[in-house]
Amino acid sequence: MNAFSPRRLWAIVVKELRQLRRDRLTFAMIVGIPTMQLLLFGYAINLDVRHLDAAVLDQAHTRNARELVAELAQSQVFDFRYRLDSPAQIDALLREGRVSAALVIPRDFERRLADRDRAAVQMVVDGSDQVVQQAARQLAGLSVTTLLSPLHAAVPQGQVEIVNWYNPQRRAPLNTVPSLIGVILTMTMVLFTAMALVRERERGNLEFLIATPLSPLELTIGKVLPFVGIGLVQATLVLLLGIAIFGVPVRGSLVDLYVAALVFIVACLALGVFLSTLAKSQFQAMQLAFFTFLPQILLSGFMFPFGGMPRAAQWLAETFPLTHFIRLVRGIVLRAAGFADLWRELLALLAFAAVMLTLATLRFHKRLD
């Protein structure tokens, strides 16, 4: 057995470093992934609940009522973007996902303040979002004096009634399970598609397909379609387990839910196909899939409050399919919303799928040439 040689060891190290330098994608991932994580956790991720879109229904129209709204707005937890005229408008705004909460100030607000026999104001919150429930809890109990500090003498503890719509028991699975459909589909569809197509290229099967009269578009769609069925099976499995184990209700239309899931699956598969045109190996495909998955799960509102992110991070999150699907699935499953209420989210998914499929087809066509 040869003796240990530092010289031979150094030669192997130099060889590996040179090979890594030639692999530009892997080198970019070594630098890019920690940089992205640092920026996301240090800049974009904010655990404080801030700037949630809200509405106010002021039926009292008194000075104290206006001061209360002003103090809540200065807390920056809620941004009161809508001034309502009737309680019916609250249901419409919450169902469409345009607001996360609504402050209701009754006509006898001043008398309630004086008598202190019942809640002076009411905060109606969207219980389909765990983050909104967290903000609502800040208004109740001991936290109320912090949010309403200039008025805490006039609005004592216990005089803010929290009405939790869509999830009155505040059960966490009702928030997480529907969103997990999107998270699981993002992880599996993008990764499986990207790696499967690269594997076909590594085995030489694509050269055989090139010799056929298939067009790049036909070849791209043909490779994607089998995974559509797999994605629908996964969505169904998560949904059934959520219903059976966690008691998650499906208040909206199953047809709307499956249409939304289908469009989202196509969007994820289109992203996977596009990544496969960039990767040269299955390992690179896995790296790229992880690189796209990490910011989606962090910025989509699944784990961290969307309203607490800087505007630039929110704009970036709006380009991710997972952001829009989470809004769709929560709206359909928990709020009984339909596409008439959530058409913007569905349109965003369709646009993303169309762009990714176009880019993937063009790059694939370039490779064939």
Protein backbone atom coordinates (compact mmCIF):
# COMPACT_ATOMS: atom_id res chain seq x y z
CA MET A 1 0.00 0.00 0.00
CA ASN A 2 1.41 3.37 -1.03
CA ALA A 3 2.20 5.87 1.71
CA PHE A 4 0.05 8.95 2.09
CA SER A 5 1.28 11.68 -0.27
CA PRO A 6 0.28 15.31 0.28
CA ARG A 7 1.45 16.03 -3.27
CA ARG A 8 -0.99 13.53 -4.81
CA LEU A 9 -3.75 14.82 -2.51
CA TRP A 10 -3.12 18.38 -3.66
CA ALA A 11 -3.26 17.26 -7.29
CA ILE A 12 -6.74 15.81 -6.75
CA VAL A 13 -7.90 18.99 -5.00
CA VAL A 14 -6.64 21.13 -7.88
CA LYS A 15 -8.37 18.85 -10.40
CA GLU A 16 -11.71 19.11 -8.56
CA LEU A 17 -11.42 22.90 -8.32
CA ARG A 18 -10.70 23.19 -12.04
CA GLN A 19 -13.65 20.97 -12.86
CA LEU A 20 -15.88 23.05 -10.58
CA ARG A 21 -14.71 26.23 -12.30
CA ARG A 22 -15.73 24.79 -15.67
CA ASP A 23 -19.18 23.92 -14.27
CA ARG A 24 -20.49 27.47 -14.24
CA LEU A 25 -23.98 26.59 -13.02
CA THR A 26 -22.73 24.72 -9.96
CA PHE A 27 -20.30 27.52 -9.19
CA ALA A 28 -23.13 30.05 -9.48
CA MET A 29 -25.25 27.97 -7.08
CA ILE A 30 -22.42 27.85 -4.53
CA VAL A 31 -22.42 31.64 -4.46
CA GLY A 32 -26.07 32.28 -5.32
CA ILE A 33 -27.89 30.08 -2.78
CA PRO A 34 -26.28 31.51 0.38
CA THR A 35 -26.55 35.02 -1.06
CA MET A 36 -30.23 34.53 -1.80
CA GLN A 37 -30.90 33.09 1.65
CA LEU A 38 -29.09 35.97 3.33
CA LEU A 39 -31.06 38.56 1.37
CA LEU A 40 -34.38 36.80 1.88
CA PHE A 41 -34.04 36.23 5.61
CA GLY A 42 -32.25 39.48 6.32
CA TYR A 43 -34.22 41.83 4.11
CA ALA A 44 -37.45 40.33 2.81
CA ILE A 45 -38.59 38.08 5.67
CA ASN A 46 -40.21 40.03 8.49
CA LEU A 47 -42.06 38.14 11.22
CA ASP A 48 -43.89 41.29 12.31
CA VAL A 49 -47.38 41.60 10.90
CA ARG A 50 -47.55 44.87 9.01
CA HIS A 51 -49.60 46.65 6.35
CA LEU A 52 -52.49 44.23 6.06
CA ASP A 53 -55.17 45.57 3.73
CA ALA A 54 -58.27 46.41 5.74
CA ALA A 55 -61.61 48.20 5.55
CA VAL A 56 -63.50 50.32 8.05
CA LEU A 57 -67.24 50.61 8.54
CA ASP A 58 -67.74 53.71 10.68
CA GLN A 59 -71.40 53.98 11.62
CA ALA A 60 -70.78 56.37 14.53
CA HIS A 61 -69.06 59.27 12.70
CA THR A 62 -67.77 60.79 15.94
CA ARG A 63 -64.45 62.31 16.93
CA ASN A 64 -63.50 59.31 19.08
CA ALA A 65 -64.32 56.97 16.22
CA ARG A 66 -62.09 58.90 13.83
CA GLU A 67 -59.28 58.98 16.40
CA LEU A 68 -59.57 55.24 16.89
CA VAL A 69 -59.20 54.60 13.15
CA ALA A 70 -56.25 57.00 13.00
CA GLU A 71 -54.47 55.28 15.89
CA LEU A 72 -54.96 51.85 14.37
CA ALA A 73 -53.61 53.12 11.06
CA GLN A 74 -50.53 54.58 12.79
CA SER A 75 -49.75 51.17 14.27
CA GLN A 76 -49.06 50.05 10.65
CA VAL A 77 -50.64 46.67 11.33
CA PHE A 78 -53.61 47.55 9.14
CA ASP A 79 -53.86 49.82 6.11
CA PHE A 80 -57.47 50.99 5.85
CA ARG A 81 -57.90 51.16 2.08
CA TYR A 82 -61.69 50.93 1.96
CA ARG A 83 -64.38 53.02 3.65
CA LEU A 84 -67.62 51.02 3.67
CA ASP A 85 -71.25 51.99 3.84
CA SER A 86 -72.89 48.68 4.78
CA PRO A 87 -71.99 45.36 6.49
CA ALA A 88 -72.71 43.46 3.26
CA GLN A 89 -69.60 44.98 1.70
CA ILE A 90 -67.41 43.30 4.32
CA ASP A 91 -68.37 39.81 3.16
CA ALA A 92 -67.67 40.65 -0.49
CA LEU A 93 -64.23 42.14 0.20
CA LEU A 94 -63.17 39.25 2.45
CA ARG A 95 -64.41 36.60 0.03
CA GLU A 96 -62.52 38.20 -2.86
CA GLY A 97 -59.37 38.44 -0.73
CA ARG A 98 -59.12 42.19 -1.23
CA VAL A 99 -58.93 42.84 2.52
CA SER A 100 -57.75 40.80 5.48
CA ALA A 101 -59.88 42.52 8.11
CA ALA A 102 -62.63 45.05 8.62
CA LEU A 103 -63.10 47.37 11.59
CA VAL A 104 -66.75 47.92 12.50
CA ILE A 105 -67.62 50.94 14.68
CA PRO A 106 -71.32 50.75 15.66
CA ARG A 107 -73.70 53.70 15.80
CA ASP A 108 -73.82 53.58 19.61
CA PHE A 109 -70.03 53.61 19.93
CA GLU A 110 -69.98 56.50 22.42
CA ARG A 111 -72.59 54.86 24.65
CA ARG A 112 -70.69 51.57 24.65
CA LEU A 113 -67.55 53.41 25.70
CA ALA A 114 -69.40 54.97 28.58
CA ASP A 115 -71.29 51.89 29.76
CA ARG A 116 -68.49 49.37 29.18
CA ASP A 117 -71.04 46.57 29.26
CA ARG A 118 -70.13 45.13 25.85
CA ALA A 119 -67.56 45.45 23.11
CA ALA A 120 -67.19 48.98 21.80
CA VAL A 121 -65.82 47.98 18.38
CA GLN A 122 -65.65 44.83 16.30
CA MET A 123 -62.78 43.56 14.15
CA VAL A 124 -63.86 41.07 11.50
CA VAL A 125 -60.84 39.09 10.27
CA ASP A 126 -60.17 36.56 7.53
CA GLY A 127 -59.64 33.33 9.45
CA SER A 128 -58.33 31.53 6.37
CA ASP A 129 -54.97 33.25 6.91
CA GLN A 130 -53.01 32.40 10.06
CA VAL A 131 -51.09 35.67 9.81
CA VAL A 132 -54.28 37.71 9.97
CA GLN A 133 -55.33 35.79 13.07
CA GLN A 134 -52.01 36.73 14.62
CA ALA A 135 -52.70 40.39 13.93
CA ALA A 136 -56.18 40.05 15.42
CA ARG A 137 -54.74 38.61 18.62
CA GLN A 138 -52.63 41.75 18.92
CA LEU A 139 -55.87 43.70 19.24
CA ALA A 140 -57.23 41.50 22.02
CA GLY A 141 -56.13 40.96 25.59
CA LEU A 142 -53.18 42.88 26.94
CA SER A 143 -51.98 43.94 23.49
CA VAL A 144 -54.89 46.29 22.99
CA THR A 145 -53.32 49.00 25.13
CA THR A 146 -50.23 48.91 22.92
CA LEU A 147 -52.11 49.33 19.66
CA LEU A 148 -54.51 51.93 21.03
CA SER A 149 -52.15 53.61 23.46
CA PRO A 150 -53.52 57.17 23.19
CA LEU A 151 -57.06 55.84 23.61
CA HIS A 152 -56.52 53.02 26.09
CA ALA A 153 -58.37 54.93 28.78
CA ALA A 154 -61.40 55.30 26.50
CA VAL A 155 -61.18 51.83 24.97
CA PRO A 156 -60.35 49.49 27.86
CA GLN A 157 -59.21 45.90 27.66
CA GLY A 158 -61.91 43.55 26.38
CA GLN A 159 -63.85 46.15 24.40
CA VAL A 160 -62.49 45.01 21.03
CA GLU A 161 -64.45 41.99 19.80
CA ILE A 162 -62.63 39.76 17.33
CA VAL A 163 -64.91 37.98 14.85
CA ASN A 164 -62.99 35.22 13.07
CA TRP A 165 -64.68 34.43 9.76
CA TYR A 166 -64.12 31.13 7.92
CA ASN A 167 -62.15 29.62 10.83
CA PRO A 168 -63.92 30.50 14.09
CA GLN A 169 -62.07 27.77 16.06
CA ARG A 170 -58.72 29.16 14.85
CA ARG A 171 -57.53 25.72 13.81
CA ALA A 172 -54.09 25.85 12.20
CA PRO A 173 -54.65 22.90 9.79
CA LEU A 174 -57.41 24.85 8.05
CA ASN A 175 -54.76 27.39 7.04
CA THR A 176 -51.84 25.10 6.29
CA VAL A 177 -53.36 22.03 4.64
CA PRO A 178 -54.88 23.78 1.58
CA SER A 179 -51.65 25.70 1.05
CA LEU A 180 -49.64 22.48 1.31
CA ILE A 181 -51.25 21.34 -1.93
CA GLY A 182 -49.40 24.16 -3.69
CA VAL A 183 -46.15 23.60 -1.80
CA ILE A 184 -46.06 19.87 -2.56
CA LEU A 185 -46.96 20.37 -6.22
CA THR A 186 -44.29 23.04 -6.59
CA MET A 187 -41.64 20.78 -5.14
CA THR A 188 -42.54 17.64 -7.07
CA MET A 189 -43.74 18.93 -10.43
CA VAL A 190 -40.81 21.27 -11.08
CA LEU A 191 -38.19 18.80 -9.85
CA PHE A 192 -39.62 15.70 -11.53
CA THR A 193 -40.10 17.40 -14.89
CA ALA A 194 -36.70 19.07 -14.99
CA MET A 195 -34.83 15.91 -13.99
CA ALA A 196 -36.88 13.59 -16.22
CA LEU A 197 -36.18 15.62 -19.35
CA VAL A 198 -32.49 15.96 -18.56
CA ARG A 199 -32.33 12.22 -17.93
CA GLU A 200 -33.82 11.63 -21.39
CA ARG A 201 -31.08 13.79 -22.87
CA GLU A 202 -28.34 11.99 -20.93
CA ARG A 203 -29.59 8.61 -22.17
CA GLY A 204 -29.69 9.79 -25.77
CA ASN A 205 -33.44 9.37 -26.18
CA LEU A 206 -33.93 12.95 -27.33
CA GLU A 207 -31.77 12.33 -30.39
CA PHE A 208 -34.24 9.62 -31.39
CA LEU A 209 -37.16 12.03 -30.93
CA ILE A 210 -35.40 14.69 -32.99
CA ALA A 211 -35.48 12.33 -35.97
CA THR A 212 -39.28 12.12 -35.77
CA PRO A 213 -41.59 14.70 -37.41
CA LEU A 214 -42.57 16.09 -33.99
CA SER A 215 -42.42 19.87 -33.65
CA PRO A 216 -40.74 21.42 -30.56
CA LEU A 217 -44.15 22.47 -29.24
CA GLU A 218 -45.61 18.97 -29.68
CA LEU A 219 -42.58 17.41 -28.04
CA THR A 220 -42.70 19.84 -25.11
CA ILE A 221 -46.42 19.34 -24.47
CA GLY A 222 -46.13 15.58 -24.93
CA LYS A 223 -43.44 15.41 -22.28
CA VAL A 224 -45.52 17.51 -19.87
CA LEU A 225 -48.92 15.83 -20.16
CA PRO A 226 -48.16 12.62 -18.20
CA PHE A 227 -47.09 14.70 -15.22
CA VAL A 228 -50.41 16.57 -15.27
CA GLY A 229 -52.18 13.38 -14.22
CA ILE A 230 -49.57 12.75 -11.52
CA GLY A 231 -50.07 16.26 -10.19
CA LEU A 232 -53.84 15.88 -10.03
CA VAL A 233 -53.44 12.60 -8.15
CA GLN A 234 -51.15 14.30 -5.63
CA ALA A 235 -53.59 17.20 -5.18
CA THR A 236 -56.45 14.78 -4.63
CA LEU A 237 -54.42 12.77 -2.11
CA VAL A 238 -53.50 15.83 -0.03
CA LEU A 239 -57.08 17.10 -0.16
CA LEU A 240 -58.59 13.76 0.92
CA LEU A 241 -56.10 13.36 3.76
CA GLY A 242 -56.79 16.92 4.87
CA ILE A 243 -60.52 16.22 4.97
CA ALA A 244 -60.24 12.81 6.64
CA ILE A 245 -57.53 13.55 9.20
CA PHE A 246 -57.77 17.28 9.90
CA GLY A 247 -61.41 17.95 9.05
CA VAL A 248 -60.63 20.62 6.48
CA PRO A 249 -63.89 21.77 4.87
CA VAL A 250 -64.29 22.38 1.15
CA ARG A 251 -66.76 25.24 1.08
CA GLY A 252 -66.29 26.20 -2.56
CA SER A 253 -66.74 24.41 -5.84
CA LEU A 254 -64.66 21.27 -6.43
CA VAL A 255 -64.71 22.08 -10.14
CA ASP A 256 -63.13 25.48 -9.46
CA LEU A 257 -60.58 23.87 -7.16
CA TYR A 258 -59.49 21.30 -9.74
CA VAL A 259 -59.38 23.87 -12.53
CA ALA A 260 -57.13 26.04 -10.37
CA ALA A 261 -54.96 23.02 -9.52
CA LEU A 262 -54.74 22.06 -13.20
CA VAL A 263 -53.59 25.52 -14.25
CA PHE A 264 -51.09 25.60 -11.39
CA ILE A 265 -49.73 22.17 -12.30
CA VAL A 266 -49.24 23.29 -15.90
CA ALA A 267 -47.44 26.41 -14.65
CA CYS A 268 -45.11 24.30 -12.48
CA LEU A 269 -44.45 21.84 -15.29
CA ALA A 270 -43.72 24.67 -17.71
CA LEU A 271 -41.17 26.01 -15.24
CA GLY A 272 -39.64 22.54 -14.94
CA VAL A 273 -39.38 22.18 -18.72
CA PHE A 274 -37.70 25.58 -18.96
CA LEU A 275 -35.20 24.63 -16.25
CA SER A 276 -34.43 21.41 -18.13
CA THR A 277 -33.31 23.47 -21.13
CA LEU A 278 -30.79 25.26 -18.87
CA ALA A 279 -29.40 22.22 -17.05
CA LYS A 280 -26.78 19.88 -18.49
CA SER A 281 -27.16 17.14 -15.87
CA GLN A 282 -29.73 15.83 -13.43
CA PHE A 283 -27.74 17.31 -10.56
CA GLN A 284 -27.90 20.75 -12.16
CA ALA A 285 -31.63 20.31 -12.74
CA MET A 286 -32.09 19.52 -9.06
CA GLN A 287 -30.06 22.58 -8.11
CA LEU A 288 -32.12 24.85 -10.34
CA ALA A 289 -35.38 23.41 -9.01
CA PHE A 290 -34.29 24.06 -5.44
CA PHE A 291 -33.14 27.56 -6.41
CA THR A 292 -36.66 28.39 -7.64
CA PHE A 293 -38.46 26.55 -4.84
CA LEU A 294 -36.80 28.33 -1.92
CA PRO A 295 -37.92 31.91 -2.67
CA GLN A 296 -41.41 30.72 -3.55
CA ILE A 297 -42.03 29.02 -0.22
CA LEU A 298 -40.50 31.94 1.70
CA LEU A 299 -42.20 34.82 -0.12
CA SER A 300 -45.57 33.36 -1.12
CA GLY A 301 -47.22 34.00 2.24
CA PHE A 302 -47.18 30.31 3.20
CA MET A 303 -44.66 30.63 6.03
CA PHE A 304 -44.22 34.34 6.67
CA PRO A 305 -46.58 37.35 6.62
CA PHE A 306 -46.86 38.73 3.11
CA GLY A 307 -47.79 42.18 4.39
CA GLY A 308 -44.61 42.44 6.44
CA MET A 309 -42.33 42.16 3.41
CA PRO A 310 -40.81 45.18 1.67
CA ARG A 311 -42.57 46.30 -1.48
CA ALA A 312 -39.77 45.00 -3.69
CA ALA A 313 -40.12 41.52 -2.15
CA GLN A 314 -43.89 41.64 -2.63
CA TRP A 315 -43.48 42.57 -6.31
CA LEU A 316 -41.08 39.65 -6.73
CA ALA A 317 -43.52 37.31 -4.98
CA GLU A 318 -46.27 38.34 -7.38
CA THR A 319 -44.27 36.72 -10.21
CA PHE A 320 -44.33 33.32 -8.46
CA PRO A 321 -47.12 30.84 -9.27
CA LEU A 322 -47.25 29.56 -5.69
CA THR A 323 -48.27 33.00 -4.40
CA HIS A 324 -51.35 33.08 -6.60
CA PHE A 325 -52.29 29.44 -6.07
CA ILE A 326 -52.23 29.80 -2.28
CA ARG A 327 -54.69 32.68 -2.61
CA LEU A 328 -56.83 30.60 -4.95
CA VAL A 329 -56.92 27.44 -2.86
CA ARG A 330 -57.57 29.27 0.41
CA GLY A 331 -60.29 31.33 -1.22
CA ILE A 332 -62.06 28.35 -2.79
CA VAL A 333 -61.67 25.85 0.06
CA LEU A 334 -62.23 28.11 3.06
CA ARG A 335 -64.07 31.22 1.84
CA ALA A 336 -66.29 29.59 -0.82
CA ALA A 337 -64.94 32.08 -3.34
CA GLY A 338 -65.22 31.46 -7.08
CA PHE A 339 -63.34 32.57 -10.15
CA ALA A 340 -65.56 35.65 -10.31
CA ASP A 341 -63.90 36.68 -7.04
CA LEU A 342 -60.38 35.36 -7.75
CA TRP A 343 -60.02 35.88 -11.50
CA ARG A 344 -56.86 37.97 -11.07
CA GLU A 345 -55.03 35.06 -9.44
CA LEU A 346 -56.16 32.61 -12.14
CA LEU A 347 -55.12 35.03 -14.88
CA ALA A 348 -51.68 35.43 -13.28
CA LEU A 349 -51.19 31.64 -13.29
CA LEU A 350 -52.26 31.37 -16.94
CA ALA A 351 -49.86 34.16 -17.91
CA PHE A 352 -46.97 32.50 -16.05
CA ALA A 353 -47.67 29.14 -17.70
CA ALA A 354 -47.85 30.73 -21.15
CA VAL A 355 -44.58 32.62 -20.70
CA MET A 356 -42.70 29.59 -19.37
CA LEU A 357 -43.99 27.28 -22.09
CA THR A 358 -43.03 29.81 -24.75
CA LEU A 359 -39.53 30.24 -23.35
CA ALA A 360 -39.07 26.48 -22.97
CA THR A 361 -40.24 25.83 -26.53
CA LEU A 362 -37.93 28.50 -27.95
CA ARG A 363 -34.91 27.20 -26.04
CA PHE A 364 -35.73 23.62 -26.99
CA HIS A 365 -36.07 24.67 -30.61
CA LYS A 366 -32.67 26.34 -30.37
CA ARG A 367 -31.13 23.13 -29.06
CA LEU A 368 -32.67 21.12 -31.85
CA ASP A 369 -31.14 23.49 -34.38
